[in-house]
Amino acid sequence: MSKSITATELGKLLQEKSDLVIVDVRRKTDYEADKEVIPGAVWRDPEQVEQWRKDLPEQKQVVIYCVRGGSVSQSVSKRLSDAKINVSIIEGGLAAWKEAGGKTESK
């Protein structure tokens, strides 16, 4: 089972922690259709997780999200957890973040 956090909890974490790593793992087509991301987030192709997971710091908390926090986030989270990465998923994904009034930025 993946750890999850709410959009509100992420907002608090962003205010408290400067070393939080946020990764947008939406499918490429979803990202291309909407290049708005949570401030500070980097997009990574969920189909290439084995290549880019090595670049994630093991000592930092990693928060990932997809469009709605479903199968894409769950799959990536499992693979990162298996690699001993401290990872959480945003419940409801980017949609929940926006609905909660979270800011986004264009990439």
PDB file of N, CA and C in Angstrom:
ATOM      1  N   MET A   1       0.835  -1.193   0.000  1.00  0.00           N
ATOM      2  CA  MET A   1       0.000   0.000   0.000  1.00  0.00           C
ATOM      3  C   MET A   1       0.876   1.251   0.000  1.00  0.00           C
ATOM      4  N   SER A   2       0.583   2.160  -0.878  1.00  0.00           N
ATOM      5  CA  SER A   2       1.350   3.397  -0.986  1.00  0.00           C
ATOM      6  C   SER A   2       0.943   4.379   0.098  1.00  0.00           C
ATOM      7  N   LYS A   3       1.916   5.145   0.560  1.00  0.00           N
ATOM      8  CA  LYS A   3       1.609   6.234   1.480  1.00  0.00           C
ATOM      9  C   LYS A   3       0.987   7.350   0.661  1.00  0.00           C
ATOM     10  N   SER A   4       0.002   8.009   1.229  1.00  0.00           N
ATOM     11  CA  SER A   4      -0.601   9.121   0.511  1.00  0.00           C
ATOM     12  C   SER A   4      -0.736  10.326   1.427  1.00  0.00           C
ATOM     13  N   ILE A   5      -0.763  11.484   0.795  1.00  0.00           N
ATOM     14  CA  ILE A   5      -0.985  12.727   1.507  1.00  0.00           C
ATOM     15  C   ILE A   5      -2.047  13.513   0.757  1.00  0.00           C
ATOM     16  N   THR A   6      -2.737  14.384   1.458  1.00  0.00           N
ATOM     17  CA  THR A   6      -3.742  15.219   0.815  1.00  0.00           C
ATOM     18  C   THR A   6      -3.077  16.450   0.225  1.00  0.00           C
ATOM     19  N   ALA A   7      -3.817  17.135  -0.618  1.00  0.00           N
ATOM     20  CA  ALA A   7      -3.312  18.382  -1.190  1.00  0.00           C
ATOM     21  C   ALA A   7      -3.017  19.393  -0.081  1.00  0.00           C
ATOM     22  N   THR A   8      -3.862  19.434   0.935  1.00  0.00           N
ATOM     23  CA  THR A   8      -3.650  20.342   2.064  1.00  0.00           C
ATOM     24  C   THR A   8      -2.367  19.999   2.806  1.00  0.00           C
ATOM     25  N   GLU A   9      -2.135  18.699   3.027  1.00  0.00           N
ATOM     26  CA  GLU A   9      -0.909  18.275   3.699  1.00  0.00           C
ATOM     27  C   GLU A   9       0.322  18.650   2.872  1.00  0.00           C
ATOM     28  N   LEU A  10       0.218  18.516   1.547  1.00  0.00           N
ATOM     29  CA  LEU A  10       1.342  18.917   0.693  1.00  0.00           C
ATOM     30  C   LEU A  10       1.616  20.401   0.829  1.00  0.00           C
ATOM     31  N   GLY A  11       0.562  21.205   0.864  1.00  0.00           N
ATOM     32  CA  GLY A  11       0.738  22.646   1.027  1.00  0.00           C
ATOM     33  C   GLY A  11       1.511  22.971   2.297  1.00  0.00           C
ATOM     34  N   LYS A  12       1.189  22.285   3.384  1.00  0.00           N
ATOM     35  CA  LYS A  12       1.898  22.500   4.655  1.00  0.00           C
ATOM     36  C   LYS A  12       3.349  22.044   4.534  1.00  0.00           C
ATOM     37  N   LEU A  13       3.570  20.886   3.899  1.00  0.00           N
ATOM     38  CA  LEU A  13       4.940  20.389   3.718  1.00  0.00           C
ATOM     39  C   LEU A  13       5.784  21.369   2.911  1.00  0.00           C
ATOM     40  N   LEU A  14       5.186  21.951   1.886  1.00  0.00           N
ATOM     41  CA  LEU A  14       5.926  22.902   1.050  1.00  0.00           C
ATOM     42  C   LEU A  14       6.329  24.140   1.843  1.00  0.00           C
ATOM     43  N   GLN A  15       5.512  24.525   2.810  1.00  0.00           N
ATOM     44  CA  GLN A  15       5.855  25.672   3.646  1.00  0.00           C
ATOM     45  C   GLN A  15       6.941  25.322   4.654  1.00  0.00           C
ATOM     46  N   GLU A  16       6.953  24.057   5.107  1.00  0.00           N
ATOM     47  CA  GLU A  16       7.873  23.637   6.164  1.00  0.00           C
ATOM     48  C   GLU A  16       9.209  23.093   5.663  1.00  0.00           C
ATOM     49  N   LYS A  17       9.206  22.427   4.513  1.00  0.00           N
ATOM     50  CA  LYS A  17      10.394  21.703   4.055  1.00  0.00           C
ATOM     51  C   LYS A  17      10.906  22.258   2.732  1.00  0.00           C
ATOM     52  N   SER A  18      12.166  22.604   2.723  1.00  0.00           N
ATOM     53  CA  SER A  18      12.750  23.070   1.469  1.00  0.00           C
ATOM     54  C   SER A  18      13.388  21.919   0.685  1.00  0.00           C
ATOM     55  N   ASP A  19      13.530  20.771   1.345  1.00  0.00           N
ATOM     56  CA  ASP A  19      14.211  19.654   0.685  1.00  0.00           C
ATOM     57  C   ASP A  19      13.243  18.589   0.162  1.00  0.00           C
ATOM     58  N   LEU A  20      11.995  18.965  -0.018  1.00  0.00           N
ATOM     59  CA  LEU A  20      10.988  18.061  -0.557  1.00  0.00           C
ATOM     60  C   LEU A  20      11.175  17.943  -2.076  1.00  0.00           C
ATOM     61  N   VAL A  21      11.098  16.743  -2.604  1.00  0.00           N
ATOM     62  CA  VAL A  21      11.225  16.529  -4.047  1.00  0.00           C
ATOM     63  C   VAL A  21       9.841  16.158  -4.585  1.00  0.00           C
ATOM     64  N   ILE A  22       9.350  16.937  -5.552  1.00  0.00           N
ATOM     65  CA  ILE A  22       8.031  16.686  -6.130  1.00  0.00           C
ATOM     66  C   ILE A  22       8.217  16.265  -7.576  1.00  0.00           C
ATOM     67  N   VAL A  23       7.606  15.128  -7.918  1.00  0.00           N
ATOM     68  CA  VAL A  23       7.750  14.591  -9.267  1.00  0.00           C
ATOM     69  C   VAL A  23       6.373  14.368  -9.890  1.00  0.00           C
ATOM     70  N   ASP A  24       6.173  14.968 -11.040  1.00  0.00           N
ATOM     71  CA  ASP A  24       4.963  14.807 -11.836  1.00  0.00           C
ATOM     72  C   ASP A  24       5.160  13.550 -12.680  1.00  0.00           C
ATOM     73  N   VAL A  25       4.329  12.543 -12.467  1.00  0.00           N
ATOM     74  CA  VAL A  25       4.474  11.286 -13.212  1.00  0.00           C
ATOM     75  C   VAL A  25       3.264  11.024 -14.115  1.00  0.00           C
ATOM     76  N   ARG A  26       2.634  12.101 -14.578  1.00  0.00           N
ATOM     77  CA  ARG A  26       1.529  11.907 -15.523  1.00  0.00           C
ATOM     78  C   ARG A  26       2.070  11.289 -16.809  1.00  0.00           C
ATOM     79  N   ARG A  27       1.220  10.539 -17.473  1.00  0.00           N
ATOM     80  CA  ARG A  27       1.618   9.997 -18.778  1.00  0.00           C
ATOM     81  C   ARG A  27       2.002  11.155 -19.686  1.00  0.00           C
ATOM     82  N   LYS A  28       2.882  10.878 -20.622  1.00  0.00           N
ATOM     83  CA  LYS A  28       3.390  11.929 -21.503  1.00  0.00           C
ATOM     84  C   LYS A  28       2.257  12.678 -22.212  1.00  0.00           C
ATOM     85  N   THR A  29       1.255  11.967 -22.677  1.00  0.00           N
ATOM     86  CA  THR A  29       0.148  12.620 -23.375  1.00  0.00           C
ATOM     87  C   THR A  29      -0.615  13.565 -22.447  1.00  0.00           C
ATOM     88  N   ASP A  30      -0.790  13.177 -21.179  1.00  0.00           N
ATOM     89  CA  ASP A  30      -1.469  14.040 -20.213  1.00  0.00           C
ATOM     90  C   ASP A  30      -0.631  15.280 -19.909  1.00  0.00           C
ATOM     91  N   TYR A  31       0.674  15.082 -19.764  1.00  0.00           N
ATOM     92  CA  TYR A  31       1.566  16.215 -19.497  1.00  0.00           C
ATOM     93  C   TYR A  31       1.597  17.172 -20.687  1.00  0.00           C
ATOM     94  N   GLU A  32       1.678  16.629 -21.887  1.00  0.00           N
ATOM     95  CA  GLU A  32       1.717  17.463 -23.087  1.00  0.00           C
ATOM     96  C   GLU A  32       0.425  18.272 -23.236  1.00  0.00           C
ATOM     97  N   ALA A  33      -0.699  17.708 -22.815  1.00  0.00           N
ATOM     98  CA  ALA A  33      -1.987  18.396 -22.919  1.00  0.00           C
ATOM     99  C   ALA A  33      -2.126  19.518 -21.889  1.00  0.00           C
ATOM    100  N   ASP A  34      -1.412  19.430 -20.763  1.00  0.00           N
ATOM    101  CA  ASP A  34      -1.498  20.419 -19.691  1.00  0.00           C
ATOM    102  C   ASP A  34      -0.146  20.497 -18.994  1.00  0.00           C
ATOM    103  N   LYS A  35       0.653  21.479 -19.371  1.00  0.00           N
ATOM    104  CA  LYS A  35       2.014  21.578 -18.829  1.00  0.00           C
ATOM    105  C   LYS A  35       2.077  22.358 -17.521  1.00  0.00           C
ATOM    106  N   GLU A  36       0.929  22.533 -16.864  1.00  0.00           N
ATOM    107  CA  GLU A  36       0.911  23.151 -15.541  1.00  0.00           C
ATOM    108  C   GLU A  36       1.365  22.106 -14.529  1.00  0.00           C
ATOM    109  N   VAL A  37       2.316  22.474 -13.677  1.00  0.00           N
ATOM    110  CA  VAL A  37       2.823  21.572 -12.639  1.00  0.00           C
ATOM    111  C   VAL A  37       2.785  22.275 -11.293  1.00  0.00           C
ATOM    112  N   ILE A  38       2.861  21.513 -10.237  1.00  0.00           N
ATOM    113  CA  ILE A  38       2.995  22.076  -8.904  1.00  0.00           C
ATOM    114  C   ILE A  38       4.351  22.769  -8.853  1.00  0.00           C
ATOM    115  N   PRO A  39       4.425  23.990  -8.295  1.00  0.00           N
ATOM    116  CA  PRO A  39       5.699  24.711  -8.275  1.00  0.00           C
ATOM    117  C   PRO A  39       6.847  23.859  -7.719  1.00  0.00           C
ATOM    118  N   GLY A  40       7.930  23.837  -8.471  1.00  0.00           N
ATOM    119  CA  GLY A  40       9.106  23.081  -8.071  1.00  0.00           C
ATOM    120  C   GLY A  40       9.115  21.641  -8.559  1.00  0.00           C
ATOM    121  N   ALA A  41       8.000  21.188  -9.110  1.00  0.00           N
ATOM    122  CA  ALA A  41       7.919  19.796  -9.580  1.00  0.00           C
ATOM    123  C   ALA A  41       8.671  19.625 -10.892  1.00  0.00           C
ATOM    124  N   VAL A  42       9.168  18.420 -11.083  1.00  0.00           N
ATOM    125  CA  VAL A  42       9.769  18.046 -12.354  1.00  0.00           C
ATOM    126  C   VAL A  42       8.952  16.910 -12.943  1.00  0.00           C
ATOM    127  N   TRP A  43       8.767  16.931 -14.259  1.00  0.00           N
ATOM    128  CA  TRP A  43       8.035  15.848 -14.911  1.00  0.00           C
ATOM    129  C   TRP A  43       9.000  14.734 -15.267  1.00  0.00           C
ATOM    130  N   ARG A  44       8.591  13.515 -15.010  1.00  0.00           N
ATOM    131  CA  ARG A  44       9.357  12.338 -15.407  1.00  0.00           C
ATOM    132  C   ARG A  44       8.386  11.335 -16.017  1.00  0.00           C
ATOM    133  N   ASP A  45       8.825  10.721 -17.091  1.00  0.00           N
ATOM    134  CA  ASP A  45       8.008   9.737 -17.804  1.00  0.00           C
ATOM    135  C   ASP A  45       7.802   8.505 -16.922  1.00  0.00           C
ATOM    136  N   PRO A  46       6.557   8.177 -16.585  1.00  0.00           N
ATOM    137  CA  PRO A  46       6.326   7.020 -15.721  1.00  0.00           C
ATOM    138  C   PRO A  46       6.759   5.700 -16.354  1.00  0.00           C
ATOM    139  N   GLU A  47       6.883   5.664 -17.663  1.00  0.00           N
ATOM    140  CA  GLU A  47       7.313   4.442 -18.336  1.00  0.00           C
ATOM    141  C   GLU A  47       8.828   4.261 -18.288  1.00  0.00           C
ATOM    142  N   GLN A  48       9.533   5.305 -17.836  1.00  0.00           N
ATOM    143  CA  GLN A  48      10.997   5.255 -17.763  1.00  0.00           C
ATOM    144  C   GLN A  48      11.497   5.305 -16.324  1.00  0.00           C
ATOM    145  N   VAL A  49      10.653   4.938 -15.367  1.00  0.00           N
ATOM    146  CA  VAL A  49      10.985   5.093 -13.948  1.00  0.00           C
ATOM    147  C   VAL A  49      12.306   4.422 -13.568  1.00  0.00           C
ATOM    148  N   GLU A  50      12.629   3.297 -14.162  1.00  0.00           N
ATOM    149  CA  GLU A  50      13.871   2.605 -13.806  1.00  0.00           C
ATOM    150  C   GLU A  50      15.101   3.438 -14.159  1.00  0.00           C
ATOM    151  N   GLN A  51      14.989   4.289 -15.188  1.00  0.00           N
ATOM    152  CA  GLN A  51      16.121   5.125 -15.570  1.00  0.00           C
ATOM    153  C   GLN A  51      16.278   6.331 -14.643  1.00  0.00           C
ATOM    154  N   TRP A  52      15.182   7.018 -14.332  1.00  0.00           N
ATOM    155  CA  TRP A  52      15.315   8.257 -13.564  1.00  0.00           C
ATOM    156  C   TRP A  52      15.247   8.076 -12.051  1.00  0.00           C
ATOM    157  N   ARG A  53      14.787   6.947 -11.562  1.00  0.00           N
ATOM    158  CA  ARG A  53      14.687   6.775 -10.099  1.00  0.00           C
ATOM    159  C   ARG A  53      16.055   6.833  -9.428  1.00  0.00           C
ATOM    160  N   LYS A  54      17.096   6.478 -10.162  1.00  0.00           N
ATOM    161  CA  LYS A  54      18.455   6.508  -9.602  1.00  0.00           C
ATOM    162  C   LYS A  54      18.902   7.932  -9.279  1.00  0.00           C
ATOM    163  N   ASP A  55      18.258   8.919  -9.892  1.00  0.00           N
ATOM    164  CA  ASP A  55      18.608  10.318  -9.653  1.00  0.00           C
ATOM    165  C   ASP A  55      17.913  10.895  -8.417  1.00  0.00           C
ATOM    166  N   LEU A  56      16.971  10.156  -7.849  1.00  0.00           N
ATOM    167  CA  LEU A  56      16.251  10.657  -6.673  1.00  0.00           C
ATOM    168  C   LEU A  56      17.072  10.439  -5.408  1.00  0.00           C
ATOM    169  N   PRO A  57      17.096  11.439  -4.548  1.00  0.00           N
ATOM    170  CA  PRO A  57      17.849  11.302  -3.300  1.00  0.00           C
ATOM    171  C   PRO A  57      17.129  10.388  -2.315  1.00  0.00           C
ATOM    172  N   GLU A  58      17.830   9.413  -1.790  1.00  0.00           N
ATOM    173  CA  GLU A  58      17.232   8.472  -0.851  1.00  0.00           C
ATOM    174  C   GLU A  58      16.902   9.132   0.484  1.00  0.00           C
ATOM    175  N   GLN A  59      17.618  10.173   0.855  1.00  0.00           N
ATOM    176  CA  GLN A  59      17.442  10.782   2.168  1.00  0.00           C
ATOM    177  C   GLN A  59      16.322  11.829   2.200  1.00  0.00           C
ATOM    178  N   LYS A  60      15.742  12.177   1.068  1.00  0.00           N
ATOM    179  CA  LYS A  60      14.688  13.190   1.030  1.00  0.00           C
ATOM    180  C   LYS A  60      13.330  12.541   0.802  1.00  0.00           C
ATOM    181  N   GLN A  61      12.297  13.257   1.223  1.00  0.00           N
ATOM    182  CA  GLN A  61      10.942  12.787   0.960  1.00  0.00           C
ATOM    183  C   GLN A  61      10.579  13.142  -0.476  1.00  0.00           C
ATOM    184  N   VAL A  62      10.056  12.169  -1.211  1.00  0.00           N
ATOM    185  CA  VAL A  62       9.632  12.358  -2.588  1.00  0.00           C
ATOM    186  C   VAL A  62       8.111  12.266  -2.632  1.00  0.00           C
ATOM    187  N   VAL A  63       7.477  13.237  -3.269  1.00  0.00           N
ATOM    188  CA  VAL A  63       6.033  13.239  -3.446  1.00  0.00           C
ATOM    189  C   VAL A  63       5.763  13.179  -4.939  1.00  0.00           C
ATOM    190  N   ILE A  64       4.941  12.223  -5.347  1.00  0.00           N
ATOM    191  CA  ILE A  64       4.615  12.080  -6.770  1.00  0.00           C
ATOM    192  C   ILE A  64       3.124  12.304  -6.985  1.00  0.00           C
ATOM    193  N   TYR A  65       2.803  12.667  -8.212  1.00  0.00           N
ATOM    194  CA  TYR A  65       1.385  12.808  -8.560  1.00  0.00           C
ATOM    195  C   TYR A  65       1.187  12.548 -10.043  1.00  0.00           C
ATOM    196  N   CYS A  66      -0.028  12.105 -10.358  1.00  0.00           N
ATOM    197  CA  CYS A  66      -0.451  11.981 -11.747  1.00  0.00           C
ATOM    198  C   CYS A  66      -1.718  12.835 -11.879  1.00  0.00           C
ATOM    199  N   VAL A  67      -2.563  12.544 -12.834  1.00  0.00           N
ATOM    200  CA  VAL A  67      -3.744  13.369 -13.056  1.00  0.00           C
ATOM    201  C   VAL A  67      -4.691  13.313 -11.859  1.00  0.00           C
ATOM    202  N   ARG A  68      -5.050  12.085 -11.427  1.00  0.00           N
ATOM    203  CA  ARG A  68      -6.020  11.927 -10.340  1.00  0.00           C
ATOM    204  C   ARG A  68      -5.545  11.014  -9.209  1.00  0.00           C
ATOM    205  N   GLY A  69      -4.265  10.696  -9.172  1.00  0.00           N
ATOM    206  CA  GLY A  69      -3.745   9.878  -8.078  1.00  0.00           C
ATOM    207  C   GLY A  69      -4.096   8.408  -8.182  1.00  0.00           C
ATOM    208  N   GLY A  70      -4.291   7.935  -9.388  1.00  0.00           N
ATOM    209  CA  GLY A  70      -4.709   6.554  -9.589  1.00  0.00           C
ATOM    210  C   GLY A  70      -3.590   5.603  -9.949  1.00  0.00           C
ATOM    211  N   SER A  71      -3.838   4.825 -10.981  1.00  0.00           N
ATOM    212  CA  SER A  71      -2.963   3.704 -11.320  1.00  0.00           C
ATOM    213  C   SER A  71      -1.536   4.119 -11.679  1.00  0.00           C
ATOM    214  N   VAL A  72      -1.364   5.258 -12.322  1.00  0.00           N
ATOM    215  CA  VAL A  72      -0.013   5.675 -12.700  1.00  0.00           C
ATOM    216  C   VAL A  72       0.811   5.958 -11.445  1.00  0.00           C
ATOM    217  N   SER A  73       0.268   6.761 -10.543  1.00  0.00           N
ATOM    218  CA  SER A  73       0.976   7.058  -9.296  1.00  0.00           C
ATOM    219  C   SER A  73       1.220   5.803  -8.476  1.00  0.00           C
ATOM    220  N   GLN A  74       0.224   4.938  -8.413  1.00  0.00           N
ATOM    221  CA  GLN A  74       0.361   3.706  -7.632  1.00  0.00           C
ATOM    222  C   GLN A  74       1.494   2.842  -8.167  1.00  0.00           C
ATOM    223  N   SER A  75       1.551   2.697  -9.476  1.00  0.00           N
ATOM    224  CA  SER A  75       2.584   1.875 -10.105  1.00  0.00           C
ATOM    225  C   SER A  75       3.982   2.452  -9.866  1.00  0.00           C
ATOM    226  N   VAL A  76       4.123   3.762 -10.090  1.00  0.00           N
ATOM    227  CA  VAL A  76       5.421   4.405  -9.899  1.00  0.00           C
ATOM    228  C   VAL A  76       5.816   4.349  -8.422  1.00  0.00           C
ATOM    229  N   SER A  77       4.861   4.581  -7.535  1.00  0.00           N
ATOM    230  CA  SER A  77       5.143   4.545  -6.103  1.00  0.00           C
ATOM    231  C   SER A  77       5.688   3.188  -5.675  1.00  0.00           C
ATOM    232  N   LYS A  78       5.081   2.126  -6.170  1.00  0.00           N
ATOM    233  CA  LYS A  78       5.546   0.790  -5.805  1.00  0.00           C
ATOM    234  C   LYS A  78       6.988   0.588  -6.248  1.00  0.00           C
ATOM    235  N   ARG A  79       7.295   0.996  -7.458  1.00  0.00           N
ATOM    236  CA  ARG A  79       8.654   0.811  -7.969  1.00  0.00           C
ATOM    237  C   ARG A  79       9.672   1.643  -7.198  1.00  0.00           C
ATOM    238  N   LEU A  80       9.275   2.841  -6.801  1.00  0.00           N
ATOM    239  CA  LEU A  80      10.181   3.682  -6.014  1.00  0.00           C
ATOM    240  C   LEU A  80      10.339   3.127  -4.602  1.00  0.00           C
ATOM    241  N   SER A  81       9.251   2.680  -4.006  1.00  0.00           N
ATOM    242  CA  SER A  81       9.319   2.083  -2.663  1.00  0.00           C
ATOM    243  C   SER A  81      10.217   0.855  -2.668  1.00  0.00           C
ATOM    244  N   ASP A  82      10.093   0.039  -3.704  1.00  0.00           N
ATOM    245  CA  ASP A  82      10.936  -1.151  -3.829  1.00  0.00           C
ATOM    246  C   ASP A  82      12.419  -0.776  -3.908  1.00  0.00           C
ATOM    247  N   ALA A  83      12.690   0.433  -4.408  1.00  0.00           N
ATOM    248  CA  ALA A  83      14.074   0.919  -4.518  1.00  0.00           C
ATOM    249  C   ALA A  83      14.491   1.696  -3.265  1.00  0.00           C
ATOM    250  N   LYS A  84      13.693   1.583  -2.200  1.00  0.00           N
ATOM    251  CA  LYS A  84      13.998   2.216  -0.901  1.00  0.00           C
ATOM    252  C   LYS A  84      13.914   3.743  -0.925  1.00  0.00           C
ATOM    253  N   ILE A  85      13.075   4.292  -1.827  1.00  0.00           N
ATOM    254  CA  ILE A  85      12.838   5.730  -1.871  1.00  0.00           C
ATOM    255  C   ILE A  85      11.653   6.032  -0.951  1.00  0.00           C
ATOM    256  N   ASN A  86      11.767   7.083  -0.136  1.00  0.00           N
ATOM    257  CA  ASN A  86      10.693   7.523   0.746  1.00  0.00           C
ATOM    258  C   ASN A  86       9.688   8.304  -0.099  1.00  0.00           C
ATOM    259  N   VAL A  87       8.635   7.633  -0.565  1.00  0.00           N
ATOM    260  CA  VAL A  87       7.714   8.233  -1.525  1.00  0.00           C
ATOM    261  C   VAL A  87       6.286   8.267  -0.996  1.00  0.00           C
ATOM    262  N   SER A  88       5.592   9.353  -1.346  1.00  0.00           N
ATOM    263  CA  SER A  88       4.169   9.509  -1.039  1.00  0.00           C
ATOM    264  C   SER A  88       3.460   9.947  -2.311  1.00  0.00           C
ATOM    265  N   ILE A  89       2.167   9.660  -2.368  1.00  0.00           N
ATOM    266  CA  ILE A  89       1.316  10.043  -3.500  1.00  0.00           C
ATOM    267  C   ILE A  89       0.343  11.112  -3.032  1.00  0.00           C
ATOM    268  N   ILE A  90       0.068  12.093  -3.896  1.00  0.00           N
ATOM    269  CA  ILE A  90      -0.954  13.083  -3.578  1.00  0.00           C
ATOM    270  C   ILE A  90      -2.318  12.455  -3.879  1.00  0.00           C
ATOM    271  N   GLU A  91      -3.158  12.344  -2.863  1.00  0.00           N
ATOM    272  CA  GLU A  91      -4.510  11.810  -3.047  1.00  0.00           C
ATOM    273  C   GLU A  91      -5.258  12.694  -4.037  1.00  0.00           C
ATOM    274  N   GLY A  92      -5.785  12.098  -5.084  1.00  0.00           N
ATOM    275  CA  GLY A  92      -6.524  12.867  -6.077  1.00  0.00           C
ATOM    276  C   GLY A  92      -5.660  13.558  -7.109  1.00  0.00           C
ATOM    277  N   GLY A  93      -4.342  13.414  -6.977  1.00  0.00           N
ATOM    278  CA  GLY A  93      -3.411  13.927  -7.969  1.00  0.00           C
ATOM    279  C   GLY A  93      -3.457  15.432  -8.185  1.00  0.00           C
ATOM    280  N   LEU A  94      -3.054  15.828  -9.380  1.00  0.00           N
ATOM    281  CA  LEU A  94      -3.001  17.240  -9.741  1.00  0.00           C
ATOM    282  C   LEU A  94      -4.392  17.864  -9.688  1.00  0.00           C
ATOM    283  N   ALA A  95      -5.399  17.101 -10.033  1.00  0.00           N
ATOM    284  CA  ALA A  95      -6.770  17.613  -9.996  1.00  0.00           C
ATOM    285  C   ALA A  95      -7.146  18.052  -8.586  1.00  0.00           C
ATOM    286  N   ALA A  96      -6.821  17.245  -7.592  1.00  0.00           N
ATOM    287  CA  ALA A  96      -7.133  17.586  -6.199  1.00  0.00           C
ATOM    288  C   ALA A  96      -6.330  18.809  -5.754  1.00  0.00           C
ATOM    289  N   TRP A  97      -5.084  18.889  -6.187  1.00  0.00           N
ATOM    290  CA  TRP A  97      -4.247  20.040  -5.846  1.00  0.00           C
ATOM    291  C   TRP A  97      -4.890  21.329  -6.361  1.00  0.00           C
ATOM    292  N   LYS A  98      -5.312  21.313  -7.618  1.00  0.00           N
ATOM    293  CA  LYS A  98      -5.941  22.497  -8.208  1.00  0.00           C
ATOM    294  C   LYS A  98      -7.264  22.809  -7.520  1.00  0.00           C
ATOM    295  N   GLU A  99      -8.065  21.783  -7.241  1.00  0.00           N
ATOM    296  CA  GLU A  99      -9.363  21.982  -6.584  1.00  0.00           C
ATOM    297  C   GLU A  99      -9.188  22.563  -5.188  1.00  0.00           C
ATOM    298  N   ALA A 100      -8.079  22.266  -4.530  1.00  0.00           N
ATOM    299  CA  ALA A 100      -7.815  22.786  -3.190  1.00  0.00           C
ATOM    300  C   ALA A 100      -7.228  24.202  -3.242  1.00  0.00           C
ATOM    301  N   GLY A 101      -7.087  24.743  -4.445  1.00  0.00           N
ATOM    302  CA  GLY A 101      -6.551  26.089  -4.595  1.00  0.00           C
ATOM    303  C   GLY A 101      -5.046  26.154  -4.688  1.00  0.00           C
ATOM    304  N   GLY A 102      -4.413  24.988  -4.879  1.00  0.00           N
ATOM    305  CA  GLY A 102      -2.958  24.952  -4.999  1.00  0.00           C
ATOM    306  C   GLY A 102      -2.490  25.671  -6.257  1.00  0.00           C
ATOM    307  N   LYS A 103      -1.385  26.349  -6.128  1.00  0.00           N
ATOM    308  CA  LYS A 103      -0.820  27.085  -7.271  1.00  0.00           C
ATOM    309  C   LYS A 103      -0.115  26.116  -8.225  1.00  0.00           C
ATOM    310  N   THR A 104      -0.055  26.508  -9.488  1.00  0.00           N
ATOM    311  CA  THR A 104       0.694  25.745 -10.481  1.00  0.00           C
ATOM    312  C   THR A 104       1.564  26.719 -11.258  1.00  0.00           C
ATOM    313  N   GLU A 105       2.517  26.164 -11.984  1.00  0.00           N
ATOM    314  CA  GLU A 105       3.361  26.963 -12.862  1.00  0.00           C
ATOM    315  C   GLU A 105       3.513  26.236 -14.184  1.00  0.00           C
ATOM    316  N   SER A 106       3.740  27.005 -15.246  1.00  0.00           N
ATOM    317  CA  SER A 106       3.918  26.408 -16.569  1.00  0.00           C
ATOM    318  C   SER A 106       5.356  25.976 -16.756  1.00  0.00           C
ATOM    319  N   LYS A 107       5.538  24.823 -17.401  1.00  0.00           N
ATOM    320  CA  LYS A 107       6.885  24.342 -17.731  1.00  0.00           C
ATOM    321  C   LYS A 107       7.102  24.465 -19.211  1.00  0.00           C
TER     322      LYS A 107
END
